[in-house]
Amino acid sequence: MEEGYAAVTTRRVAARADVNQGMVYYHFGVMDDLFTELFRRGADETFRRQTEALASPQPLWALWDLMQDQSHSALTMEFVALANHRKAIRGVIADSSGRFRRLQEEAVTRILEERGTPPGTWPPLALVLFLSSVSRFLLMERSFELSAGHDQMTAIVEEQLRRVEGERLP
């Protein structure tokens, strides 16, 4: 995160972990394997957090809050950049993204049905894509210190969430 994926070397990883460089090779082999394991661990933790969010009293609000978590989103964007150059990473991200999307679709479908949202008002996957794409774009722009229109867009998203789940609980 400090210098980007291109600055990661086995030597730097070993120095940071205070181990011999050979240990990094022994446990991970090539750098793609280390990146893959790092991504999987982060994805598993985020999946756990998302499962908890979707089981909360206001799951859509909780999902939106989780998507707004800049620390995890920044790391994901770094992995996406890495995937542009490393095919092995691209496959891992695609598999993980599919897993997340299936969880989101299932949960949002159930949430909309439970709340009596009229069919067709928000197709579940459209709502998921709306929340995730807006959050990612806002986070990306914030990283460039851009914020014009962010308050208005956030207000639009939050109005849609209010229509389904009511006011955000404290």
N, C-alpha and C. Protein backbone atom coordinates (compact mmCIF):
# COMPACT_ATOMS: atom_id res chain seq x y z
N MET A 1 0.82 -1.20 0.00
CA MET A 1 0.00 0.00 0.00
C MET A 1 0.86 1.26 0.00
N GLU A 2 2.01 1.19 0.61
CA GLU A 2 2.85 2.38 0.72
C GLU A 2 3.46 2.79 -0.62
N GLU A 3 3.91 1.81 -1.41
CA GLU A 3 4.62 2.14 -2.65
C GLU A 3 4.06 1.43 -3.87
N GLY A 4 2.99 0.69 -3.72
CA GLY A 4 2.40 0.00 -4.85
C GLY A 4 2.98 -1.39 -5.06
N TYR A 5 2.24 -2.20 -5.80
CA TYR A 5 2.64 -3.59 -5.99
C TYR A 5 3.99 -3.72 -6.70
N ALA A 6 4.33 -2.79 -7.57
CA ALA A 6 5.57 -2.89 -8.33
C ALA A 6 6.81 -2.82 -7.44
N ALA A 7 6.66 -2.24 -6.26
CA ALA A 7 7.79 -2.11 -5.34
C ALA A 7 7.97 -3.33 -4.44
N VAL A 8 7.06 -4.30 -4.53
CA VAL A 8 7.13 -5.48 -3.67
C VAL A 8 8.13 -6.47 -4.26
N THR A 9 9.12 -6.83 -3.44
CA THR A 9 10.10 -7.84 -3.81
C THR A 9 10.21 -8.82 -2.65
N THR A 10 10.74 -10.01 -2.93
CA THR A 10 10.92 -10.98 -1.84
C THR A 10 11.89 -10.43 -0.80
N ARG A 11 12.86 -9.70 -1.24
CA ARG A 11 13.83 -9.11 -0.30
C ARG A 11 13.13 -8.12 0.65
N ARG A 12 12.27 -7.28 0.11
CA ARG A 12 11.56 -6.30 0.95
C ARG A 12 10.55 -6.98 1.87
N VAL A 13 9.88 -7.99 1.35
CA VAL A 13 8.93 -8.74 2.18
C VAL A 13 9.68 -9.40 3.34
N ALA A 14 10.79 -10.04 3.03
CA ALA A 14 11.58 -10.71 4.08
C ALA A 14 12.06 -9.71 5.12
N ALA A 15 12.54 -8.57 4.67
CA ALA A 15 13.02 -7.56 5.62
C ALA A 15 11.88 -7.05 6.50
N ARG A 16 10.73 -6.82 5.91
CA ARG A 16 9.58 -6.32 6.67
C ARG A 16 9.07 -7.36 7.67
N ALA A 17 9.13 -8.65 7.29
CA ALA A 17 8.67 -9.73 8.16
C ALA A 17 9.77 -10.19 9.12
N ASP A 18 10.96 -9.62 8.94
CA ASP A 18 12.12 -9.97 9.77
C ASP A 18 12.44 -11.47 9.69
N VAL A 19 12.46 -11.96 8.42
CA VAL A 19 12.82 -13.35 8.16
C VAL A 19 13.85 -13.38 7.04
N ASN A 20 14.46 -14.53 6.85
CA ASN A 20 15.39 -14.74 5.77
C ASN A 20 14.63 -14.75 4.45
N GLN A 21 15.22 -14.18 3.41
CA GLN A 21 14.57 -14.12 2.09
C GLN A 21 14.19 -15.52 1.59
N GLY A 22 15.00 -16.52 1.93
CA GLY A 22 14.70 -17.90 1.52
C GLY A 22 13.38 -18.40 2.10
N MET A 23 13.00 -17.89 3.27
CA MET A 23 11.73 -18.29 3.89
C MET A 23 10.54 -17.82 3.04
N VAL A 24 10.68 -16.65 2.45
CA VAL A 24 9.60 -16.14 1.61
C VAL A 24 9.43 -17.07 0.41
N TYR A 25 10.54 -17.45 -0.22
CA TYR A 25 10.48 -18.38 -1.36
C TYR A 25 9.93 -19.73 -0.92
N TYR A 26 10.38 -20.21 0.23
CA TYR A 26 9.96 -21.52 0.72
C TYR A 26 8.44 -21.57 0.92
N HIS A 27 7.89 -20.54 1.53
CA HIS A 27 6.46 -20.55 1.85
C HIS A 27 5.56 -20.12 0.69
N PHE A 28 6.08 -19.27 -0.19
CA PHE A 28 5.21 -18.73 -1.24
C PHE A 28 5.67 -19.02 -2.65
N GLY A 29 6.90 -19.43 -2.84
CA GLY A 29 7.39 -19.66 -4.20
C GLY A 29 7.56 -18.33 -4.91
N VAL A 30 6.85 -18.17 -6.00
CA VAL A 30 6.96 -16.94 -6.79
C VAL A 30 6.07 -15.83 -6.20
N MET A 31 6.34 -14.61 -6.61
CA MET A 31 5.59 -13.46 -6.07
C MET A 31 4.09 -13.57 -6.34
N ASP A 32 3.71 -14.15 -7.48
CA ASP A 32 2.28 -14.29 -7.76
C ASP A 32 1.59 -15.12 -6.67
N ASP A 33 2.29 -16.13 -6.15
CA ASP A 33 1.70 -16.95 -5.09
C ASP A 33 1.55 -16.15 -3.80
N LEU A 34 2.52 -15.30 -3.51
CA LEU A 34 2.41 -14.44 -2.33
C LEU A 34 1.25 -13.45 -2.49
N PHE A 35 1.17 -12.81 -3.64
CA PHE A 35 0.07 -11.88 -3.90
C PHE A 35 -1.29 -12.59 -3.83
N THR A 36 -1.35 -13.79 -4.40
CA THR A 36 -2.59 -14.56 -4.39
C THR A 36 -3.02 -14.86 -2.96
N GLU A 37 -2.10 -15.31 -2.14
CA GLU A 37 -2.43 -15.62 -0.75
C GLU A 37 -2.84 -14.36 0.01
N LEU A 38 -2.17 -13.28 -0.22
CA LEU A 38 -2.52 -12.02 0.44
C LEU A 38 -3.93 -11.58 0.02
N PHE A 39 -4.21 -11.68 -1.27
CA PHE A 39 -5.54 -11.30 -1.74
C PHE A 39 -6.61 -12.20 -1.13
N ARG A 40 -6.37 -13.51 -1.15
CA ARG A 40 -7.37 -14.45 -0.61
C ARG A 40 -7.65 -14.19 0.86
N ARG A 41 -6.61 -13.93 1.63
CA ARG A 41 -6.82 -13.65 3.07
C ARG A 41 -7.67 -12.40 3.25
N GLY A 42 -7.36 -11.36 2.50
CA GLY A 42 -8.14 -10.13 2.59
C GLY A 42 -9.57 -10.34 2.13
N ALA A 43 -9.74 -11.09 1.05
CA ALA A 43 -11.08 -11.35 0.52
C ALA A 43 -11.90 -12.17 1.51
N ASP A 44 -11.27 -13.15 2.15
CA ASP A 44 -11.99 -13.95 3.14
C ASP A 44 -12.46 -13.10 4.31
N GLU A 45 -11.61 -12.19 4.76
CA GLU A 45 -11.99 -11.29 5.86
C GLU A 45 -13.12 -10.35 5.42
N THR A 46 -13.03 -9.82 4.23
CA THR A 46 -14.08 -8.93 3.74
C THR A 46 -15.38 -9.70 3.53
N PHE A 47 -15.30 -10.94 3.06
CA PHE A 47 -16.48 -11.78 2.88
C PHE A 47 -17.16 -12.00 4.24
N ARG A 48 -16.36 -12.27 5.27
CA ARG A 48 -16.90 -12.45 6.61
C ARG A 48 -17.60 -11.18 7.08
N ARG A 49 -16.95 -10.03 6.88
CA ARG A 49 -17.55 -8.75 7.28
C ARG A 49 -18.83 -8.47 6.50
N GLN A 50 -18.84 -8.82 5.22
CA GLN A 50 -20.02 -8.59 4.40
C GLN A 50 -21.17 -9.50 4.82
N THR A 51 -20.87 -10.74 5.16
CA THR A 51 -21.89 -11.67 5.64
C THR A 51 -22.53 -11.13 6.91
N GLU A 52 -21.72 -10.61 7.82
CA GLU A 52 -22.24 -9.99 9.05
C GLU A 52 -23.09 -8.77 8.72
N ALA A 53 -22.62 -7.94 7.82
CA ALA A 53 -23.37 -6.73 7.45
C ALA A 53 -24.74 -7.11 6.88
N LEU A 54 -24.76 -8.12 6.04
CA LEU A 54 -26.02 -8.51 5.39
C LEU A 54 -26.98 -9.23 6.34
N ALA A 55 -26.49 -9.60 7.52
CA ALA A 55 -27.35 -10.22 8.53
C ALA A 55 -27.79 -9.20 9.59
N SER A 56 -27.40 -7.96 9.44
CA SER A 56 -27.72 -6.92 10.42
C SER A 56 -29.16 -6.44 10.25
N PRO A 57 -29.68 -5.65 11.21
CA PRO A 57 -31.05 -5.16 11.10
C PRO A 57 -31.31 -4.29 9.87
N GLN A 58 -30.30 -3.58 9.41
CA GLN A 58 -30.42 -2.78 8.20
C GLN A 58 -29.29 -3.18 7.24
N PRO A 59 -29.46 -4.31 6.59
CA PRO A 59 -28.36 -4.86 5.78
C PRO A 59 -27.90 -3.99 4.62
N LEU A 60 -28.81 -3.27 3.99
CA LEU A 60 -28.38 -2.43 2.86
C LEU A 60 -27.56 -1.24 3.34
N TRP A 61 -27.98 -0.64 4.45
CA TRP A 61 -27.17 0.44 5.03
C TRP A 61 -25.79 -0.11 5.44
N ALA A 62 -25.78 -1.29 6.04
CA ALA A 62 -24.51 -1.88 6.48
C ALA A 62 -23.62 -2.21 5.29
N LEU A 63 -24.23 -2.70 4.20
CA LEU A 63 -23.46 -3.00 2.99
C LEU A 63 -22.87 -1.72 2.41
N TRP A 64 -23.66 -0.67 2.34
CA TRP A 64 -23.19 0.63 1.85
C TRP A 64 -22.02 1.12 2.71
N ASP A 65 -22.15 1.03 4.03
CA ASP A 65 -21.06 1.45 4.92
C ASP A 65 -19.79 0.64 4.67
N LEU A 66 -19.96 -0.66 4.50
CA LEU A 66 -18.81 -1.52 4.25
C LEU A 66 -18.15 -1.16 2.92
N MET A 67 -18.96 -0.86 1.92
CA MET A 67 -18.40 -0.48 0.61
C MET A 67 -17.67 0.85 0.68
N GLN A 68 -18.02 1.67 1.64
CA GLN A 68 -17.37 2.97 1.81
C GLN A 68 -16.04 2.88 2.56
N ASP A 69 -15.69 1.70 3.05
CA ASP A 69 -14.45 1.52 3.82
C ASP A 69 -13.25 1.73 2.91
N GLN A 70 -12.64 2.88 3.02
CA GLN A 70 -11.57 3.27 2.10
C GLN A 70 -10.34 2.38 2.21
N SER A 71 -10.01 1.89 3.40
CA SER A 71 -8.79 1.10 3.54
C SER A 71 -8.87 -0.20 2.73
N HIS A 72 -10.01 -0.88 2.77
CA HIS A 72 -10.13 -2.11 2.00
C HIS A 72 -10.27 -1.84 0.51
N SER A 73 -10.97 -0.79 0.17
CA SER A 73 -11.16 -0.48 -1.25
C SER A 73 -9.86 -0.08 -1.93
N ALA A 74 -9.01 0.64 -1.21
CA ALA A 74 -7.73 1.05 -1.79
C ALA A 74 -6.87 -0.17 -2.09
N LEU A 75 -6.87 -1.13 -1.17
CA LEU A 75 -6.08 -2.35 -1.39
C LEU A 75 -6.65 -3.14 -2.57
N THR A 76 -7.96 -3.22 -2.66
CA THR A 76 -8.58 -3.91 -3.78
C THR A 76 -8.18 -3.26 -5.10
N MET A 77 -8.18 -1.93 -5.14
CA MET A 77 -7.80 -1.24 -6.37
C MET A 77 -6.34 -1.53 -6.74
N GLU A 78 -5.48 -1.68 -5.74
CA GLU A 78 -4.08 -2.03 -6.01
C GLU A 78 -4.00 -3.42 -6.63
N PHE A 79 -4.81 -4.35 -6.12
CA PHE A 79 -4.83 -5.69 -6.70
C PHE A 79 -5.40 -5.69 -8.11
N VAL A 80 -6.38 -4.86 -8.37
CA VAL A 80 -6.94 -4.75 -9.72
C VAL A 80 -5.86 -4.26 -10.68
N ALA A 81 -5.08 -3.28 -10.24
CA ALA A 81 -3.97 -2.79 -11.07
C ALA A 81 -2.96 -3.91 -11.33
N LEU A 82 -2.66 -4.68 -10.30
CA LEU A 82 -1.74 -5.81 -10.44
C LEU A 82 -2.30 -6.84 -11.43
N ALA A 83 -3.60 -7.07 -11.36
CA ALA A 83 -4.23 -8.07 -12.23
C ALA A 83 -4.13 -7.69 -13.70
N ASN A 84 -3.97 -6.41 -13.99
CA ASN A 84 -3.79 -5.99 -15.38
C ASN A 84 -2.49 -6.52 -15.96
N HIS A 85 -1.55 -6.90 -15.09
CA HIS A 85 -0.25 -7.37 -15.55
C HIS A 85 0.02 -8.83 -15.20
N ARG A 86 -0.80 -9.39 -14.33
CA ARG A 86 -0.56 -10.76 -13.87
C ARG A 86 -1.83 -11.58 -14.01
N LYS A 87 -1.81 -12.51 -14.95
CA LYS A 87 -2.98 -13.33 -15.27
C LYS A 87 -3.44 -14.16 -14.06
N ALA A 88 -2.49 -14.69 -13.28
CA ALA A 88 -2.84 -15.53 -12.13
C ALA A 88 -3.68 -14.75 -11.12
N ILE A 89 -3.34 -13.49 -10.92
CA ILE A 89 -4.06 -12.65 -9.97
C ILE A 89 -5.46 -12.34 -10.52
N ARG A 90 -5.54 -12.12 -11.82
CA ARG A 90 -6.83 -11.81 -12.46
C ARG A 90 -7.84 -12.92 -12.20
N GLY A 91 -7.41 -14.17 -12.30
CA GLY A 91 -8.30 -15.30 -12.07
C GLY A 91 -8.79 -15.37 -10.63
N VAL A 92 -7.90 -15.11 -9.69
CA VAL A 92 -8.26 -15.14 -8.28
C VAL A 92 -9.27 -14.03 -7.97
N ILE A 93 -9.05 -12.87 -8.52
CA ILE A 93 -9.97 -11.75 -8.30
C ILE A 93 -11.32 -12.06 -8.94
N ALA A 94 -11.33 -12.63 -10.12
CA ALA A 94 -12.59 -12.97 -10.79
C ALA A 94 -13.37 -13.99 -9.97
N ASP A 95 -12.70 -15.02 -9.47
CA ASP A 95 -13.37 -16.03 -8.64
C ASP A 95 -13.95 -15.40 -7.37
N SER A 96 -13.16 -14.57 -6.73
CA SER A 96 -13.60 -13.92 -5.49
C SER A 96 -14.76 -12.98 -5.77
N SER A 97 -14.68 -12.22 -6.84
CA SER A 97 -15.75 -11.29 -7.18
C SER A 97 -17.05 -12.02 -7.45
N GLY A 98 -16.97 -13.16 -8.11
CA GLY A 98 -18.17 -13.97 -8.35
C GLY A 98 -18.78 -14.45 -7.05
N ARG A 99 -17.94 -14.86 -6.12
CA ARG A 99 -18.42 -15.30 -4.79
C ARG A 99 -19.13 -14.16 -4.06
N PHE A 100 -18.54 -12.98 -4.09
CA PHE A 100 -19.16 -11.82 -3.46
C PHE A 100 -20.48 -11.47 -4.13
N ARG A 101 -20.49 -11.48 -5.46
CA ARG A 101 -21.69 -11.11 -6.20
C ARG A 101 -22.84 -12.07 -5.91
N ARG A 102 -22.53 -13.38 -5.81
CA ARG A 102 -23.58 -14.36 -5.49
C ARG A 102 -24.16 -14.10 -4.10
N LEU A 103 -23.30 -13.83 -3.13
CA LEU A 103 -23.77 -13.52 -1.77
C LEU A 103 -24.63 -12.27 -1.79
N GLN A 104 -24.18 -11.24 -2.46
CA GLN A 104 -24.92 -9.98 -2.53
C GLN A 104 -26.27 -10.17 -3.21
N GLU A 105 -26.28 -10.89 -4.33
CA GLU A 105 -27.54 -11.09 -5.05
C GLU A 105 -28.54 -11.84 -4.19
N GLU A 106 -28.10 -12.93 -3.57
CA GLU A 106 -28.98 -13.71 -2.69
C GLU A 106 -29.55 -12.85 -1.57
N ALA A 107 -28.67 -12.14 -0.89
CA ALA A 107 -29.08 -11.34 0.26
C ALA A 107 -30.00 -10.20 -0.15
N VAL A 108 -29.65 -9.48 -1.20
CA VAL A 108 -30.47 -8.33 -1.61
C VAL A 108 -31.82 -8.80 -2.14
N THR A 109 -31.86 -9.93 -2.84
CA THR A 109 -33.14 -10.48 -3.29
C THR A 109 -34.03 -10.75 -2.08
N ARG A 110 -33.47 -11.42 -1.07
CA ARG A 110 -34.22 -11.73 0.15
C ARG A 110 -34.67 -10.46 0.86
N ILE A 111 -33.78 -9.49 0.98
CA ILE A 111 -34.08 -8.23 1.67
C ILE A 111 -35.24 -7.51 0.98
N LEU A 112 -35.18 -7.41 -0.33
CA LEU A 112 -36.23 -6.72 -1.08
C LEU A 112 -37.57 -7.45 -0.95
N GLU A 113 -37.54 -8.77 -0.97
CA GLU A 113 -38.77 -9.55 -0.81
C GLU A 113 -39.34 -9.37 0.60
N GLU A 114 -38.49 -9.45 1.62
CA GLU A 114 -38.94 -9.31 3.01
C GLU A 114 -39.55 -7.94 3.29
N ARG A 115 -39.02 -6.93 2.64
CA ARG A 115 -39.50 -5.58 2.89
C ARG A 115 -40.67 -5.18 1.99
N GLY A 116 -41.08 -6.11 1.17
CA GLY A 116 -42.23 -5.85 0.33
C GLY A 116 -41.98 -4.81 -0.74
N THR A 117 -40.75 -4.68 -1.17
CA THR A 117 -40.43 -3.75 -2.24
C THR A 117 -41.09 -4.25 -3.52
N PRO A 118 -41.85 -3.40 -4.17
CA PRO A 118 -42.53 -3.85 -5.38
C PRO A 118 -41.55 -4.43 -6.39
N PRO A 119 -41.87 -5.58 -6.96
CA PRO A 119 -40.99 -6.19 -7.95
C PRO A 119 -40.68 -5.20 -9.08
N GLY A 120 -39.46 -5.20 -9.51
CA GLY A 120 -39.06 -4.32 -10.60
C GLY A 120 -38.61 -2.94 -10.14
N THR A 121 -38.88 -2.58 -8.89
CA THR A 121 -38.46 -1.27 -8.42
C THR A 121 -36.93 -1.19 -8.46
N TRP A 122 -36.31 -2.14 -7.87
CA TRP A 122 -34.85 -2.25 -7.90
C TRP A 122 -34.51 -3.70 -8.13
N PRO A 123 -34.18 -4.09 -9.32
CA PRO A 123 -33.69 -5.46 -9.48
C PRO A 123 -32.47 -5.65 -8.56
N PRO A 124 -32.40 -6.77 -7.86
CA PRO A 124 -31.34 -6.96 -6.87
C PRO A 124 -29.93 -6.68 -7.38
N LEU A 125 -29.58 -7.23 -8.54
CA LEU A 125 -28.22 -7.00 -9.04
C LEU A 125 -28.00 -5.55 -9.46
N ALA A 126 -29.04 -4.90 -9.94
CA ALA A 126 -28.91 -3.47 -10.28
C ALA A 126 -28.62 -2.65 -9.02
N LEU A 127 -29.29 -2.99 -7.92
CA LEU A 127 -29.04 -2.28 -6.67
C LEU A 127 -27.62 -2.54 -6.18
N VAL A 128 -27.17 -3.78 -6.25
CA VAL A 128 -25.80 -4.12 -5.84
C VAL A 128 -24.79 -3.34 -6.69
N LEU A 129 -24.98 -3.35 -8.00
CA LEU A 129 -24.05 -2.64 -8.89
C LEU A 129 -24.10 -1.13 -8.66
N PHE A 130 -25.28 -0.61 -8.39
CA PHE A 130 -25.43 0.82 -8.09
C PHE A 130 -24.61 1.18 -6.85
N LEU A 131 -24.79 0.44 -5.78
CA LEU A 131 -24.05 0.72 -4.54
C LEU A 131 -22.54 0.56 -4.73
N SER A 132 -22.14 -0.55 -5.34
CA SER A 132 -20.70 -0.80 -5.45
C SER A 132 -20.02 0.14 -6.43
N SER A 133 -20.66 0.43 -7.54
CA SER A 133 -20.00 1.31 -8.52
C SER A 133 -19.91 2.74 -8.01
N VAL A 134 -20.96 3.21 -7.36
CA VAL A 134 -20.89 4.57 -6.81
C VAL A 134 -19.82 4.65 -5.73
N SER A 135 -19.80 3.68 -4.82
CA SER A 135 -18.81 3.73 -3.74
C SER A 135 -17.39 3.68 -4.29
N ARG A 136 -17.12 2.80 -5.24
CA ARG A 136 -15.77 2.70 -5.81
C ARG A 136 -15.36 3.99 -6.53
N PHE A 137 -16.28 4.54 -7.29
CA PHE A 137 -15.96 5.75 -8.03
C PHE A 137 -15.68 6.91 -7.07
N LEU A 138 -16.50 7.05 -6.03
CA LEU A 138 -16.26 8.12 -5.05
C LEU A 138 -14.93 7.93 -4.35
N LEU A 139 -14.60 6.69 -3.97
CA LEU A 139 -13.32 6.43 -3.33
C LEU A 139 -12.15 6.73 -4.26
N MET A 140 -12.30 6.36 -5.53
CA MET A 140 -11.24 6.64 -6.49
C MET A 140 -11.03 8.15 -6.63
N GLU A 141 -12.12 8.89 -6.75
CA GLU A 141 -11.98 10.34 -6.89
C GLU A 141 -11.39 10.97 -5.62
N ARG A 142 -11.79 10.48 -4.45
CA ARG A 142 -11.22 11.03 -3.21
C ARG A 142 -9.71 10.84 -3.16
N SER A 143 -9.23 9.73 -3.73
CA SER A 143 -7.78 9.49 -3.74
C SER A 143 -7.05 10.55 -4.57
N PHE A 144 -7.78 11.22 -5.46
CA PHE A 144 -7.22 12.32 -6.25
C PHE A 144 -7.66 13.68 -5.71
N GLU A 145 -8.23 13.64 -4.50
CA GLU A 145 -8.71 14.84 -3.81
C GLU A 145 -9.80 15.57 -4.60
N LEU A 146 -10.63 14.79 -5.29
CA LEU A 146 -11.79 15.33 -5.98
C LEU A 146 -13.03 15.02 -5.16
N SER A 147 -13.92 16.00 -5.05
CA SER A 147 -15.14 15.74 -4.27
C SER A 147 -16.37 16.44 -4.85
N ALA A 148 -16.23 17.12 -5.96
CA ALA A 148 -17.37 17.82 -6.56
C ALA A 148 -18.47 16.82 -6.91
N GLY A 149 -19.66 17.06 -6.41
CA GLY A 149 -20.80 16.20 -6.67
C GLY A 149 -20.94 15.01 -5.73
N HIS A 150 -19.94 14.77 -4.89
CA HIS A 150 -19.98 13.60 -4.01
C HIS A 150 -21.14 13.67 -3.01
N ASP A 151 -21.34 14.83 -2.42
CA ASP A 151 -22.44 14.95 -1.45
C ASP A 151 -23.78 14.68 -2.12
N GLN A 152 -23.96 15.20 -3.32
CA GLN A 152 -25.22 14.99 -4.03
C GLN A 152 -25.42 13.51 -4.38
N MET A 153 -24.35 12.86 -4.84
CA MET A 153 -24.46 11.45 -5.21
C MET A 153 -24.71 10.60 -3.98
N THR A 154 -24.04 10.91 -2.89
CA THR A 154 -24.26 10.18 -1.64
C THR A 154 -25.70 10.35 -1.18
N ALA A 155 -26.24 11.55 -1.33
CA ALA A 155 -27.63 11.81 -0.95
C ALA A 155 -28.59 10.98 -1.79
N ILE A 156 -28.31 10.81 -3.07
CA ILE A 156 -29.16 9.99 -3.95
C ILE A 156 -29.13 8.53 -3.51
N VAL A 157 -27.91 8.03 -3.25
CA VAL A 157 -27.80 6.64 -2.80
C VAL A 157 -28.57 6.45 -1.50
N GLU A 158 -28.34 7.36 -0.56
CA GLU A 158 -28.97 7.20 0.75
C GLU A 158 -30.49 7.36 0.69
N GLU A 159 -30.99 8.14 -0.24
CA GLU A 159 -32.44 8.24 -0.43
C GLU A 159 -33.01 6.90 -0.91
N GLN A 160 -32.28 6.24 -1.80
CA GLN A 160 -32.73 4.92 -2.27
C GLN A 160 -32.73 3.91 -1.12
N LEU A 161 -31.72 3.98 -0.26
CA LEU A 161 -31.66 3.07 0.89
C LEU A 161 -32.81 3.35 1.86
N ARG A 162 -33.13 4.62 2.05
CA ARG A 162 -34.26 4.99 2.93
C ARG A 162 -35.58 4.42 2.39
N ARG A 163 -35.74 4.41 1.09
CA ARG A 163 -36.98 3.89 0.49
C ARG A 163 -37.17 2.42 0.81
N VAL A 164 -36.07 1.69 0.93
CA VAL A 164 -36.16 0.26 1.20
C VAL A 164 -36.12 -0.04 2.70
N GLU A 165 -35.19 0.61 3.43
CA GLU A 165 -34.97 0.25 4.83
C GLU A 165 -35.33 1.33 5.84
N GLY A 166 -35.77 2.49 5.39
CA GLY A 166 -36.09 3.56 6.30
C GLY A 166 -34.83 4.30 6.73
N GLU A 167 -35.02 5.20 7.68
CA GLU A 167 -33.88 5.97 8.19
C GLU A 167 -32.83 5.06 8.79
N ARG A 168 -31.60 5.44 8.65
CA ARG A 168 -30.50 4.67 9.23
C ARG A 168 -30.62 4.67 10.76
N LEU A 169 -30.54 3.47 11.33
CA LEU A 169 -30.57 3.35 12.78
C LEU A 169 -29.23 3.78 13.36
N PRO A 170 -29.25 4.31 14.59
CA PRO A 170 -27.96 4.71 15.20
C PRO A 170 -27.05 3.53 15.45
